[in-house]
């Protein structure tokens, strides 16, 4: 199994747009291998989809210091609203466990005594969906039947397949192979930076746990695992950790940095590469993506990057291009070694 980590010079640079086409191109070039795209962390998701049994996101509850328990299972089919409300709860109280057990014996849905859980998990439908979100920090407009998060748990985590319209859904629908569950591993309601969305929901993003879950999933694959990060390369995931740290935890892997074909890209690429070099690990490939709305600099940046001393591009992805535009990058990916790298020591 080989792993690709997709990073960006910022937010909204077209990482999802690029990653979708990268997955298609890899699948065409490797017809007998798995190619699975994953968005492990995503914000701007307002609820949860159908429940996958025994699955929970790898995150801690800062208040209790304990892992969230999977919700009690019932032999009777449950509504999406009940599933979501149950999945959003912290560790159930003894009374809730007793009521759940009584409900199961009576053939009722656990946790719905007196309609308390049903009221908390009332279903709603979001509107204004986009076919292809392009921003890692806040994929607004994801559509699905969703449930309101439990205000006590402060959670909007996905516990099954990704909601239609989300970045995770966009990647999974073009993937081939065993999908990861839940997907995304960590989902937050507010369309803001992941660290802020997590803090407002009284949660914490553990880079080590996310990396462990992705590594475990990789053991089920024979081919490629493509990871899209949330936001820019140095967007924070916590007080002292960023997407750069997550990528380091996923080494050995191939790093691809996506930059927008838009005004300001010369600065953004230089700043990102200088910061990564200072931290001890540079990307393997640089890609220019024209997913943003066209501006006066569009079409000129590919030639200007090497003229100002920046690396040569591995691929240029136009606004209406398909996966065939990535043929030069695909050849480079197959030729890129993924031997373990020495991990640099970060200065805090």
C-alpha atoms as a PDB file:
ATOM      1  CA  UNK A   1       0.000   0.000   0.000  1.00  0.00           C
ATOM      2  CA  UNK A   2       1.194   3.487  -0.880  1.00  0.00           C
ATOM      3  CA  UNK A   3      -0.126   6.647   0.722  1.00  0.00           C
ATOM      4  CA  UNK A   4      -0.517  10.153  -0.712  1.00  0.00           C
ATOM      5  CA  UNK A   5      -1.136  13.141   1.564  1.00  0.00           C
ATOM      6  CA  UNK A   6      -2.696  16.169  -0.132  1.00  0.00           C
ATOM      7  CA  UNK A   7      -1.859  19.495   1.521  1.00  0.00           C
ATOM      8  CA  UNK A   8      -2.717  23.033   0.464  1.00  0.00           C
ATOM      9  CA  UNK A   9      -1.059  26.429   0.524  1.00  0.00           C
ATOM     10  CA  UNK A  10      -4.249  27.684   2.141  1.00  0.00           C
ATOM     11  CA  UNK A  11      -7.976  27.110   2.462  1.00  0.00           C
ATOM     12  CA  UNK A  12     -10.197  26.878  -0.608  1.00  0.00           C
ATOM     13  CA  UNK A  13      -7.334  26.237  -3.036  1.00  0.00           C
ATOM     14  CA  UNK A  14      -9.111  23.330  -4.758  1.00  0.00           C
ATOM     15  CA  UNK A  15      -7.794  20.328  -2.821  1.00  0.00           C
ATOM     16  CA  UNK A  16     -11.032  18.338  -3.127  1.00  0.00           C
ATOM     17  CA  UNK A  17     -11.360  19.250  -6.806  1.00  0.00           C
ATOM     18  CA  UNK A  18      -7.797  18.013  -7.355  1.00  0.00           C
ATOM     19  CA  UNK A  19      -8.069  14.929  -5.113  1.00  0.00           C
ATOM     20  CA  UNK A  20     -11.200  13.684  -6.891  1.00  0.00           C
ATOM     21  CA  UNK A  21      -9.386  13.762 -10.216  1.00  0.00           C
ATOM     22  CA  UNK A  22      -6.250  12.262  -8.706  1.00  0.00           C
ATOM     23  CA  UNK A  23      -8.251   9.271  -7.458  1.00  0.00           C
ATOM     24  CA  UNK A  24      -9.798   8.781 -10.905  1.00  0.00           C
ATOM     25  CA  UNK A  25      -6.400   9.016 -12.598  1.00  0.00           C
ATOM     26  CA  UNK A  26      -4.812   6.520 -10.192  1.00  0.00           C
ATOM     27  CA  UNK A  27      -7.740   4.135 -10.657  1.00  0.00           C
ATOM     28  CA  UNK A  28      -7.305   4.289 -14.439  1.00  0.00           C
ATOM     29  CA  UNK A  29      -3.553   3.722 -14.146  1.00  0.00           C
ATOM     30  CA  UNK A  30      -3.936   0.889 -11.604  1.00  0.00           C
ATOM     31  CA  UNK A  31      -7.021  -1.080 -12.694  1.00  0.00           C
ATOM     32  CA  UNK A  32      -6.294  -4.012 -10.379  1.00  0.00           C
ATOM     33  CA  UNK A  33      -5.534  -2.002  -7.251  1.00  0.00           C
ATOM     34  CA  UNK A  34      -7.530  -0.235  -4.570  1.00  0.00           C
ATOM     35  CA  UNK A  35      -7.629   3.561  -4.675  1.00  0.00           C
ATOM     36  CA  UNK A  36      -9.425   5.001  -1.645  1.00  0.00           C
ATOM     37  CA  UNK A  37      -9.773   8.719  -0.911  1.00  0.00           C
ATOM     38  CA  UNK A  38     -10.294   9.877   2.675  1.00  0.00           C
ATOM     39  CA  UNK A  39     -11.096  13.221   4.286  1.00  0.00           C
ATOM     40  CA  UNK A  40     -10.316  12.400   7.930  1.00  0.00           C
ATOM     41  CA  UNK A  41     -11.344  15.785   9.377  1.00  0.00           C
ATOM     42  CA  UNK A  42     -14.099  17.999   8.012  1.00  0.00           C
ATOM     43  CA  UNK A  43     -15.995  21.020   9.280  1.00  0.00           C
ATOM     44  CA  UNK A  44     -19.293  22.543   8.200  1.00  0.00           C
ATOM     45  CA  UNK A  45     -21.221  19.287   8.594  1.00  0.00           C
ATOM     46  CA  UNK A  46     -24.402  19.857  10.547  1.00  0.00           C
ATOM     47  CA  UNK A  47     -25.265  16.315  11.555  1.00  0.00           C
ATOM     48  CA  UNK A  48     -24.888  12.619  11.078  1.00  0.00           C
ATOM     49  CA  UNK A  49     -26.005   9.918   8.672  1.00  0.00           C
ATOM     50  CA  UNK A  50     -27.019   6.293   9.221  1.00  0.00           C
ATOM     51  CA  UNK A  51     -25.178   4.564  12.019  1.00  0.00           C
ATOM     52  CA  UNK A  52     -22.452   1.982  11.404  1.00  0.00           C
ATOM     53  CA  UNK A  53     -22.489  -0.525  14.281  1.00  0.00           C
ATOM     54  CA  UNK A  54     -19.569  -0.481  16.675  1.00  0.00           C
ATOM     55  CA  UNK A  55     -17.848   2.506  15.063  1.00  0.00           C
ATOM     56  CA  UNK A  56     -16.811   5.717  16.788  1.00  0.00           C
ATOM     57  CA  UNK A  57     -14.544   8.588  15.929  1.00  0.00           C
ATOM     58  CA  UNK A  58     -11.053   8.452  17.480  1.00  0.00           C
ATOM     59  CA  UNK A  59     -11.401  11.514  19.699  1.00  0.00           C
ATOM     60  CA  UNK A  60     -11.364  12.186  23.416  1.00  0.00           C
ATOM     61  CA  UNK A  61     -13.960  14.033  25.453  1.00  0.00           C
ATOM     62  CA  UNK A  62     -11.920  16.601  27.335  1.00  0.00           C
ATOM     63  CA  UNK A  63     -14.430  16.861  30.120  1.00  0.00           C
ATOM     64  CA  UNK A  64     -14.529  13.154  31.051  1.00  0.00           C
ATOM     65  CA  UNK A  65     -11.144  12.023  29.724  1.00  0.00           C
ATOM     66  CA  UNK A  66     -12.806   8.860  28.409  1.00  0.00           C
ATOM     67  CA  UNK A  67     -13.605   7.523  24.972  1.00  0.00           C
ATOM     68  CA  UNK A  68     -17.163   7.886  23.792  1.00  0.00           C
ATOM     69  CA  UNK A  69     -18.999   4.606  23.953  1.00  0.00           C
ATOM     70  CA  UNK A  70     -20.864   3.224  20.936  1.00  0.00           C
ATOM     71  CA  UNK A  71     -24.590   3.589  21.425  1.00  0.00           C
ATOM     72  CA  UNK A  72     -26.537   0.531  22.646  1.00  0.00           C
ATOM     73  CA  UNK A  73     -27.741  -1.675  19.810  1.00  0.00           C
ATOM     74  CA  UNK A  74     -31.360  -2.756  19.478  1.00  0.00           C
ATOM     75  CA  UNK A  75     -32.748  -5.728  17.533  1.00  0.00           C
ATOM     76  CA  UNK A  76     -35.432  -3.390  16.220  1.00  0.00           C
ATOM     77  CA  UNK A  77     -34.719  -0.935  13.374  1.00  0.00           C
ATOM     78  CA  UNK A  78     -34.300   2.632  14.605  1.00  0.00           C
ATOM     79  CA  UNK A  79     -35.015   5.947  13.001  1.00  0.00           C
ATOM     80  CA  UNK A  80     -32.193   8.178  11.774  1.00  0.00           C
ATOM     81  CA  UNK A  81     -33.156  10.701  14.401  1.00  0.00           C
ATOM     82  CA  UNK A  82     -32.812   8.195  17.234  1.00  0.00           C
ATOM     83  CA  UNK A  83     -29.538   6.842  15.862  1.00  0.00           C
ATOM     84  CA  UNK A  84     -28.045  10.303  15.600  1.00  0.00           C
ATOM     85  CA  UNK A  85     -29.137  11.456  19.021  1.00  0.00           C
ATOM     86  CA  UNK A  86     -27.835   8.242  20.603  1.00  0.00           C
ATOM     87  CA  UNK A  87     -24.522   8.468  18.786  1.00  0.00           C
ATOM     88  CA  UNK A  88     -24.059  12.086  19.858  1.00  0.00           C
ATOM     89  CA  UNK A  89     -24.414  11.333  23.583  1.00  0.00           C
ATOM     90  CA  UNK A  90     -21.512  11.037  25.984  1.00  0.00           C
ATOM     91  CA  UNK A  91     -21.305   7.972  28.231  1.00  0.00           C
ATOM     92  CA  UNK A  92     -24.926   7.160  29.149  1.00  0.00           C
ATOM     93  CA  UNK A  93     -26.109   7.543  32.718  1.00  0.00           C
ATOM     94  CA  UNK A  94     -27.241   4.475  34.708  1.00  0.00           C
ATOM     95  CA  UNK A  95     -30.849   5.598  34.287  1.00  0.00           C
ATOM     96  CA  UNK A  96     -30.424   5.871  30.513  1.00  0.00           C
ATOM     97  CA  UNK A  97     -28.815   2.418  30.383  1.00  0.00           C
ATOM     98  CA  UNK A  98     -31.635   0.900  32.436  1.00  0.00           C
ATOM     99  CA  UNK A  99     -34.290   2.564  30.301  1.00  0.00           C
ATOM    100  CA  UNK A 100     -32.515   1.382  27.156  1.00  0.00           C
ATOM    101  CA  UNK A 101     -32.418  -2.179  28.424  1.00  0.00           C
ATOM    102  CA  UNK A 102     -36.113  -2.079  29.373  1.00  0.00           C
ATOM    103  CA  UNK A 103     -36.982  -0.697  25.959  1.00  0.00           C
ATOM    104  CA  UNK A 104     -35.072  -3.468  24.204  1.00  0.00           C
ATOM    105  CA  UNK A 105     -36.900  -6.141  26.234  1.00  0.00           C
ATOM    106  CA  UNK A 106     -40.240  -4.553  25.374  1.00  0.00           C
ATOM    107  CA  UNK A 107     -39.394  -4.322  21.681  1.00  0.00           C
ATOM    108  CA  UNK A 108     -39.057  -0.553  21.844  1.00  0.00           C
ATOM    109  CA  UNK A 109     -36.263   1.682  20.679  1.00  0.00           C
ATOM    110  CA  UNK A 110     -33.663   2.177  23.447  1.00  0.00           C
ATOM    111  CA  UNK A 111     -33.426   5.643  24.857  1.00  0.00           C
ATOM    112  CA  UNK A 112     -36.802   6.916  23.616  1.00  0.00           C
ATOM    113  CA  UNK A 113     -38.717   6.728  26.872  1.00  0.00           C
ATOM    114  CA  UNK A 114     -41.305   9.532  27.102  1.00  0.00           C
ATOM    115  CA  UNK A 115     -40.053  10.805  23.726  1.00  0.00           C
ATOM    116  CA  UNK A 116     -37.038  12.530  25.292  1.00  0.00           C
ATOM    117  CA  UNK A 117     -34.476  11.273  22.810  1.00  0.00           C
ATOM    118  CA  UNK A 118     -36.796  11.658  19.833  1.00  0.00           C
ATOM    119  CA  UNK A 119     -37.324  15.321  20.680  1.00  0.00           C
ATOM    120  CA  UNK A 120     -33.600  15.998  20.973  1.00  0.00           C
ATOM    121  CA  UNK A 121     -32.839  14.262  17.701  1.00  0.00           C
ATOM    122  CA  UNK A 122     -35.542  15.754  15.517  1.00  0.00           C
ATOM    123  CA  UNK A 123     -34.551  15.410  11.866  1.00  0.00           C
ATOM    124  CA  UNK A 124     -34.108  18.327   9.530  1.00  0.00           C
ATOM    125  CA  UNK A 125     -33.132  18.697   5.893  1.00  0.00           C
ATOM    126  CA  UNK A 126     -30.414  21.123   4.897  1.00  0.00           C
ATOM    127  CA  UNK A 127     -30.686  23.119   1.694  1.00  0.00           C
ATOM    128  CA  UNK A 128     -28.429  24.917  -0.705  1.00  0.00           C
ATOM    129  CA  UNK A 129     -26.143  21.959  -1.421  1.00  0.00           C
ATOM    130  CA  UNK A 130     -23.141  22.208  -3.691  1.00  0.00           C
ATOM    131  CA  UNK A 131     -22.171  19.357  -5.984  1.00  0.00           C
ATOM    132  CA  UNK A 132     -18.487  19.782  -5.172  1.00  0.00           C
ATOM    133  CA  UNK A 133     -17.313  21.634  -2.095  1.00  0.00           C
ATOM    134  CA  UNK A 134     -13.766  22.902  -2.523  1.00  0.00           C
ATOM    135  CA  UNK A 135     -12.916  24.180   0.938  1.00  0.00           C
ATOM    136  CA  UNK A 136     -11.547  21.920   3.638  1.00  0.00           C
ATOM    137  CA  UNK A 137     -12.489  24.309   6.413  1.00  0.00           C
ATOM    138  CA  UNK A 138     -16.246  24.452   6.143  1.00  0.00           C
ATOM    139  CA  UNK A 139     -17.977  22.350   3.504  1.00  0.00           C
ATOM    140  CA  UNK A 140     -21.224  24.229   3.815  1.00  0.00           C
ATOM    141  CA  UNK A 141     -24.330  22.963   2.114  1.00  0.00           C
ATOM    142  CA  UNK A 142     -23.772  19.219   2.580  1.00  0.00           C
ATOM    143  CA  UNK A 143     -27.148  17.560   2.079  1.00  0.00           C
ATOM    144  CA  UNK A 144     -28.606  14.558   3.869  1.00  0.00           C
ATOM    145  CA  UNK A 145     -31.224  13.812   6.460  1.00  0.00           C
ATOM    146  CA  UNK A 146     -29.357  14.899   9.541  1.00  0.00           C
ATOM    147  CA  UNK A 147     -29.988  15.182  13.243  1.00  0.00           C
ATOM    148  CA  UNK A 148     -29.313  18.010  15.633  1.00  0.00           C
ATOM    149  CA  UNK A 149     -26.284  17.415  17.798  1.00  0.00           C
ATOM    150  CA  UNK A 150     -26.816  16.797  21.480  1.00  0.00           C
ATOM    151  CA  UNK A 151     -26.002  20.179  23.089  1.00  0.00           C
ATOM    152  CA  UNK A 152     -24.550  18.395  26.120  1.00  0.00           C
ATOM    153  CA  UNK A 153     -22.090  16.393  24.012  1.00  0.00           C
ATOM    154  CA  UNK A 154     -21.430  19.246  21.596  1.00  0.00           C
ATOM    155  CA  UNK A 155     -20.951  16.716  18.814  1.00  0.00           C
ATOM    156  CA  UNK A 156     -21.762  16.555  15.125  1.00  0.00           C
ATOM    157  CA  UNK A 157     -19.639  13.512  14.317  1.00  0.00           C
ATOM    158  CA  UNK A 158     -20.469  11.239  11.408  1.00  0.00           C
ATOM    159  CA  UNK A 159     -20.968   7.643  12.507  1.00  0.00           C
ATOM    160  CA  UNK A 160     -21.455   5.994   9.124  1.00  0.00           C
ATOM    161  CA  UNK A 161     -21.196   6.913   5.435  1.00  0.00           C
ATOM    162  CA  UNK A 162     -20.436  10.562   4.641  1.00  0.00           C
ATOM    163  CA  UNK A 163     -23.347  12.935   3.959  1.00  0.00           C
ATOM    164  CA  UNK A 164     -24.048  13.639   0.314  1.00  0.00           C
ATOM    165  CA  UNK A 165     -22.364  16.836  -0.819  1.00  0.00           C
ATOM    166  CA  UNK A 166     -19.546  16.725   1.739  1.00  0.00           C
ATOM    167  CA  UNK A 167     -15.869  16.576   0.771  1.00  0.00           C
ATOM    168  CA  UNK A 168     -15.683  13.060   2.223  1.00  0.00           C
ATOM    169  CA  UNK A 169     -18.609  11.986   0.026  1.00  0.00           C
ATOM    170  CA  UNK A 170     -16.987  13.526  -3.060  1.00  0.00           C
ATOM    171  CA  UNK A 171     -13.859  11.431  -2.507  1.00  0.00           C
ATOM    172  CA  UNK A 172     -15.613   8.220  -1.540  1.00  0.00           C
ATOM    173  CA  UNK A 173     -17.909   8.183  -4.555  1.00  0.00           C
ATOM    174  CA  UNK A 174     -14.910   7.961  -6.932  1.00  0.00           C
ATOM    175  CA  UNK A 175     -12.912   5.538  -4.765  1.00  0.00           C
ATOM    176  CA  UNK A 176     -12.407   1.816  -5.282  1.00  0.00           C
ATOM    177  CA  UNK A 177     -11.750  -0.408  -2.283  1.00  0.00           C
ATOM    178  CA  UNK A 178     -12.787  -0.727   1.354  1.00  0.00           C
ATOM    179  CA  UNK A 179     -14.071   2.643   2.615  1.00  0.00           C
ATOM    180  CA  UNK A 180     -13.110   3.887   6.060  1.00  0.00           C
ATOM    181  CA  UNK A 181     -15.804   4.117   8.723  1.00  0.00           C
ATOM    182  CA  UNK A 182     -16.785   6.499  10.064  1.00  0.00           C
ATOM    183  CA  UNK A 183     -16.032   8.930   7.272  1.00  0.00           C
ATOM    184  CA  UNK A 184     -14.926  11.543   8.076  1.00  0.00           C
ATOM    185  CA  UNK A 185     -13.287  10.298  11.240  1.00  0.00           C
ATOM    186  CA  UNK A 186     -13.990  13.645  12.889  1.00  0.00           C
ATOM    187  CA  UNK A 187     -16.738  16.002  11.721  1.00  0.00           C
ATOM    188  CA  UNK A 188     -17.699  19.334  13.224  1.00  0.00           C
ATOM    189  CA  UNK A 189     -20.737  21.514  12.646  1.00  0.00           C
ATOM    190  CA  UNK A 190     -19.289  25.005  12.316  1.00  0.00           C
ATOM    191  CA  UNK A 191     -17.658  25.954   8.976  1.00  0.00           C
ATOM    192  CA  UNK A 192     -14.504  27.309  10.611  1.00  0.00           C
ATOM    193  CA  UNK A 193     -10.960  26.114  11.225  1.00  0.00           C
ATOM    194  CA  UNK A 194     -10.954  22.559  12.582  1.00  0.00           C
ATOM    195  CA  UNK A 195      -9.255  23.467  15.865  1.00  0.00           C
ATOM    196  CA  UNK A 196     -11.813  26.200  16.559  1.00  0.00           C
ATOM    197  CA  UNK A 197     -14.787  24.034  15.592  1.00  0.00           C
ATOM    198  CA  UNK A 198     -13.512  21.297  17.892  1.00  0.00           C
ATOM    199  CA  UNK A 199     -12.932  23.680  20.801  1.00  0.00           C
ATOM    200  CA  UNK A 200     -16.420  25.153  20.486  1.00  0.00           C
ATOM    201  CA  UNK A 201     -17.817  21.636  20.678  1.00  0.00           C
ATOM    202  CA  UNK A 202     -15.674  20.872  23.726  1.00  0.00           C
ATOM    203  CA  UNK A 203     -13.757  18.245  21.801  1.00  0.00           C
ATOM    204  CA  UNK A 204     -10.097  17.696  20.966  1.00  0.00           C
ATOM    205  CA  UNK A 205      -8.439  16.514  17.756  1.00  0.00           C
ATOM    206  CA  UNK A 206      -5.778  13.905  18.443  1.00  0.00           C
ATOM    207  CA  UNK A 207      -3.328  13.735  15.545  1.00  0.00           C
ATOM    208  CA  UNK A 208      -1.946  10.459  16.895  1.00  0.00           C
ATOM    209  CA  UNK A 209      -5.399   8.834  16.967  1.00  0.00           C
ATOM    210  CA  UNK A 210      -6.334  10.053  13.509  1.00  0.00           C
ATOM    211  CA  UNK A 211      -3.038   8.723  12.126  1.00  0.00           C
ATOM    212  CA  UNK A 212      -3.561   5.413  13.908  1.00  0.00           C
ATOM    213  CA  UNK A 213      -7.054   5.005  12.436  1.00  0.00           C
ATOM    214  CA  UNK A 214      -5.754   5.763   8.929  1.00  0.00           C
ATOM    215  CA  UNK A 215      -2.865   3.334   9.336  1.00  0.00           C
ATOM    216  CA  UNK A 216      -5.236   0.610  10.494  1.00  0.00           C
ATOM    217  CA  UNK A 217      -7.468   1.222   7.483  1.00  0.00           C
ATOM    218  CA  UNK A 218      -4.428   1.019   5.195  1.00  0.00           C
ATOM    219  CA  UNK A 219      -3.933  -2.615   6.203  1.00  0.00           C
ATOM    220  CA  UNK A 220      -7.166  -3.450   4.356  1.00  0.00           C
ATOM    221  CA  UNK A 221      -5.935  -1.964   1.059  1.00  0.00           C
ATOM    222  CA  UNK A 222      -3.825  -3.218  -1.786  1.00  0.00           C
ATOM    223  CA  UNK A 223      -3.007  -0.117  -3.760  1.00  0.00           C
ATOM    224  CA  UNK A 224      -3.354   3.562  -2.826  1.00  0.00           C
ATOM    225  CA  UNK A 225      -4.674   5.516   0.136  1.00  0.00           C
ATOM    226  CA  UNK A 226      -5.196   9.214  -0.668  1.00  0.00           C
ATOM    227  CA  UNK A 227      -5.592  11.554   2.329  1.00  0.00           C
ATOM    228  CA  UNK A 228      -6.942  15.091   1.922  1.00  0.00           C
ATOM    229  CA  UNK A 229      -6.196  17.393   4.842  1.00  0.00           C
ATOM    230  CA  UNK A 230      -8.524  20.124   6.119  1.00  0.00           C
ATOM    231  CA  UNK A 231      -7.371  23.654   5.297  1.00  0.00           C
ATOM    232  CA  UNK A 232      -3.799  24.720   4.621  1.00  0.00           C
ATOM    233  CA  UNK A 233      -0.586  22.865   5.416  1.00  0.00           C
ATOM    234  CA  UNK A 234      -0.184  24.821   8.654  1.00  0.00           C
ATOM    235  CA  UNK A 235      -3.843  25.223   9.580  1.00  0.00           C
ATOM    236  CA  UNK A 236      -4.056  24.334  13.277  1.00  0.00           C
ATOM    237  CA  UNK A 237      -5.664  21.152  14.539  1.00  0.00           C
ATOM    238  CA  UNK A 238      -4.946  22.013  18.150  1.00  0.00           C
ATOM    239  CA  UNK A 239      -2.814  24.308  20.311  1.00  0.00           C
ATOM    240  CA  UNK A 240       0.481  22.836  19.081  1.00  0.00           C
ATOM    241  CA  UNK A 241      -0.417  20.658  16.087  1.00  0.00           C
ATOM    242  CA  UNK A 242      -1.199  21.387  12.443  1.00  0.00           C
ATOM    243  CA  UNK A 243      -1.885  19.508   9.235  1.00  0.00           C
ATOM    244  CA  UNK A 244       1.883  19.391   8.783  1.00  0.00           C
ATOM    245  CA  UNK A 245       2.116  17.310  11.976  1.00  0.00           C
ATOM    246  CA  UNK A 246      -0.632  14.981  10.739  1.00  0.00           C
ATOM    247  CA  UNK A 247       1.244  14.484   7.461  1.00  0.00           C
ATOM    248  CA  UNK A 248       4.429  13.722   9.416  1.00  0.00           C
ATOM    249  CA  UNK A 249       2.553  11.134  11.463  1.00  0.00           C
ATOM    250  CA  UNK A 250       1.473   9.468   8.204  1.00  0.00           C
ATOM    251  CA  UNK A 251       4.988   9.085   6.820  1.00  0.00           C
ATOM    252  CA  UNK A 252       6.244   7.221   4.879  1.00  0.00           C
ATOM    253  CA  UNK A 253       4.016   8.838   2.288  1.00  0.00           C
ATOM    254  CA  UNK A 254       4.085  11.046  -0.789  1.00  0.00           C
ATOM    255  CA  UNK A 255       3.244  14.681  -0.134  1.00  0.00           C
ATOM    256  CA  UNK A 256       1.474  16.727  -2.794  1.00  0.00           C
ATOM    257  CA  UNK A 257       0.935  20.447  -2.208  1.00  0.00           C
ATOM    258  CA  UNK A 258      -1.938  22.088  -4.101  1.00  0.00           C
ATOM    259  CA  UNK A 259      -1.736  25.812  -4.905  1.00  0.00           C
ATOM    260  CA  UNK A 260      -4.433  27.942  -6.603  1.00  0.00           C
ATOM    261  CA  UNK A 261      -3.924  29.394 -10.057  1.00  0.00           C
ATOM    262  CA  UNK A 262      -4.897  32.802  -8.715  1.00  0.00           C
ATOM    263  CA  UNK A 263      -3.477  36.118  -7.578  1.00  0.00           C
ATOM    264  CA  UNK A 264      -1.237  35.717  -4.527  1.00  0.00           C
ATOM    265  CA  UNK A 265      -0.061  32.194  -5.339  1.00  0.00           C
ATOM    266  CA  UNK A 266       3.600  33.222  -5.774  1.00  0.00           C
ATOM    267  CA  UNK A 267       3.670  34.430  -2.169  1.00  0.00           C
ATOM    268  CA  UNK A 268       1.623  31.514  -0.825  1.00  0.00           C
ATOM    269  CA  UNK A 269       3.818  28.862  -2.461  1.00  0.00           C
ATOM    270  CA  UNK A 270       7.050  30.468  -1.283  1.00  0.00           C
ATOM    271  CA  UNK A 271       5.765  30.953   2.269  1.00  0.00           C
ATOM    272  CA  UNK A 272       4.489  27.379   2.479  1.00  0.00           C
ATOM    273  CA  UNK A 273       7.675  25.826   1.114  1.00  0.00           C
ATOM    274  CA  UNK A 274       9.907  27.950   3.364  1.00  0.00           C
ATOM    275  CA  UNK A 275       7.876  26.969   6.418  1.00  0.00           C
ATOM    276  CA  UNK A 276       7.944  23.283   5.505  1.00  0.00           C
ATOM    277  CA  UNK A 277      11.683  23.420   4.873  1.00  0.00           C
ATOM    278  CA  UNK A 278      12.231  25.042   8.261  1.00  0.00           C
ATOM    279  CA  UNK A 279      10.250  22.206   9.851  1.00  0.00           C
ATOM    280  CA  UNK A 280      12.422  19.592   8.155  1.00  0.00           C
ATOM    281  CA  UNK A 281      10.158  18.090   5.489  1.00  0.00           C
ATOM    282  CA  UNK A 282       9.460  19.445   2.012  1.00  0.00           C
ATOM    283  CA  UNK A 283       6.701  18.217  -0.328  1.00  0.00           C
ATOM    284  CA  UNK A 284       7.413  15.727  -3.078  1.00  0.00           C
ATOM    285  CA  UNK A 285       5.252  17.409  -5.716  1.00  0.00           C
ATOM    286  CA  UNK A 286       3.628  20.783  -6.366  1.00  0.00           C
ATOM    287  CA  UNK A 287       0.380  21.120  -8.335  1.00  0.00           C
ATOM    288  CA  UNK A 288      -1.375  24.235  -9.633  1.00  0.00           C
ATOM    289  CA  UNK A 289      -5.171  24.048  -9.572  1.00  0.00           C
ATOM    290  CA  UNK A 290      -7.614  26.442 -11.266  1.00  0.00           C
ATOM    291  CA  UNK A 291     -10.665  25.538  -9.195  1.00  0.00           C
ATOM    292  CA  UNK A 292     -11.065  29.116  -7.947  1.00  0.00           C
ATOM    293  CA  UNK A 293     -12.897  31.775  -9.909  1.00  0.00           C
ATOM    294  CA  UNK A 294     -10.669  33.092 -12.666  1.00  0.00           C
ATOM    295  CA  UNK A 295      -8.801  36.355 -12.068  1.00  0.00           C
ATOM    296  CA  UNK A 296      -6.314  38.434 -14.073  1.00  0.00           C
ATOM    297  CA  UNK A 297      -3.334  36.293 -13.036  1.00  0.00           C
ATOM    298  CA  UNK A 298      -4.965  33.016 -14.051  1.00  0.00           C
ATOM    299  CA  UNK A 299      -3.013  31.215 -16.741  1.00  0.00           C
ATOM    300  CA  UNK A 300       0.212  33.129 -16.038  1.00  0.00           C
ATOM    301  CA  UNK A 301       1.240  31.605 -12.711  1.00  0.00           C
ATOM    302  CA  UNK A 302       2.507  28.299 -14.081  1.00  0.00           C
ATOM    303  CA  UNK A 303       5.213  30.105 -16.043  1.00  0.00           C
ATOM    304  CA  UNK A 304       5.963  32.630 -13.303  1.00  0.00           C
ATOM    305  CA  UNK A 305       6.605  30.130 -10.501  1.00  0.00           C
ATOM    306  CA  UNK A 306       9.944  28.825 -11.876  1.00  0.00           C
ATOM    307  CA  UNK A 307      10.923  32.325 -13.032  1.00  0.00           C
ATOM    308  CA  UNK A 308      10.909  33.541  -9.438  1.00  0.00           C
ATOM    309  CA  UNK A 309      12.926  30.574  -8.204  1.00  0.00           C
ATOM    310  CA  UNK A 310      10.134  28.240  -7.139  1.00  0.00           C
ATOM    311  CA  UNK A 311       9.964  24.502  -7.985  1.00  0.00           C
ATOM    312  CA  UNK A 312       8.730  23.217 -11.298  1.00  0.00           C
ATOM    313  CA  UNK A 313       5.112  22.084 -11.261  1.00  0.00           C
ATOM    314  CA  UNK A 314       4.301  18.376 -11.372  1.00  0.00           C
ATOM    315  CA  UNK A 315       0.914  19.088 -12.983  1.00  0.00           C
ATOM    316  CA  UNK A 316      -1.462  21.901 -13.913  1.00  0.00           C
ATOM    317  CA  UNK A 317      -5.176  21.243 -13.434  1.00  0.00           C
ATOM    318  CA  UNK A 318      -7.478  23.588 -15.320  1.00  0.00           C
ATOM    319  CA  UNK A 319     -10.959  24.583 -14.235  1.00  0.00           C
ATOM    320  CA  UNK A 320     -12.683  22.208 -16.648  1.00  0.00           C
ATOM    321  CA  UNK A 321      -9.933  19.589 -16.945  1.00  0.00           C
ATOM    322  CA  UNK A 322     -10.499  15.910 -16.227  1.00  0.00           C
ATOM    323  CA  UNK A 323      -8.154  13.348 -14.703  1.00  0.00           C
ATOM    324  CA  UNK A 324      -6.152  13.034 -17.939  1.00  0.00           C
ATOM    325  CA  UNK A 325      -4.511  16.377 -17.152  1.00  0.00           C
ATOM    326  CA  UNK A 326      -2.759  14.653 -14.269  1.00  0.00           C
ATOM    327  CA  UNK A 327      -0.900  12.114 -16.431  1.00  0.00           C
ATOM    328  CA  UNK A 328       2.520  13.773 -15.779  1.00  0.00           C
ATOM    329  CA  UNK A 329       1.890  13.668 -12.026  1.00  0.00           C
ATOM    330  CA  UNK A 330       0.779  10.024 -12.141  1.00  0.00           C
ATOM    331  CA  UNK A 331       4.056   9.034 -13.804  1.00  0.00           C
ATOM    332  CA  UNK A 332       5.955  10.904 -11.098  1.00  0.00           C
ATOM    333  CA  UNK A 333       3.937   9.294  -8.324  1.00  0.00           C
ATOM    334  CA  UNK A 334       4.785   5.811  -9.514  1.00  0.00           C
ATOM    335  CA  UNK A 335       8.463   6.797  -9.612  1.00  0.00           C
ATOM    336  CA  UNK A 336       8.489   8.490  -6.175  1.00  0.00           C
ATOM    337  CA  UNK A 337      10.020   6.326  -3.408  1.00  0.00           C
ATOM    338  CA  UNK A 338       8.147   6.060  -0.129  1.00  0.00           C
ATOM    339  CA  UNK A 339      10.994   4.920   2.089  1.00  0.00           C
ATOM    340  CA  UNK A 340      10.708   5.971   5.751  1.00  0.00           C
ATOM    341  CA  UNK A 341      11.995   9.474   6.370  1.00  0.00           C
ATOM    342  CA  UNK A 342      13.708  10.797   9.457  1.00  0.00           C
ATOM    343  CA  UNK A 343      11.120  12.774  11.377  1.00  0.00           C
ATOM    344  CA  UNK A 344      12.268  16.306  12.176  1.00  0.00           C
ATOM    345  CA  UNK A 345      12.021  17.755  15.657  1.00  0.00           C
ATOM    346  CA  UNK A 346       9.581  20.619  15.722  1.00  0.00           C
ATOM    347  CA  UNK A 347      10.480  23.758  17.625  1.00  0.00           C
ATOM    348  CA  UNK A 348       7.578  24.892  19.789  1.00  0.00           C
END
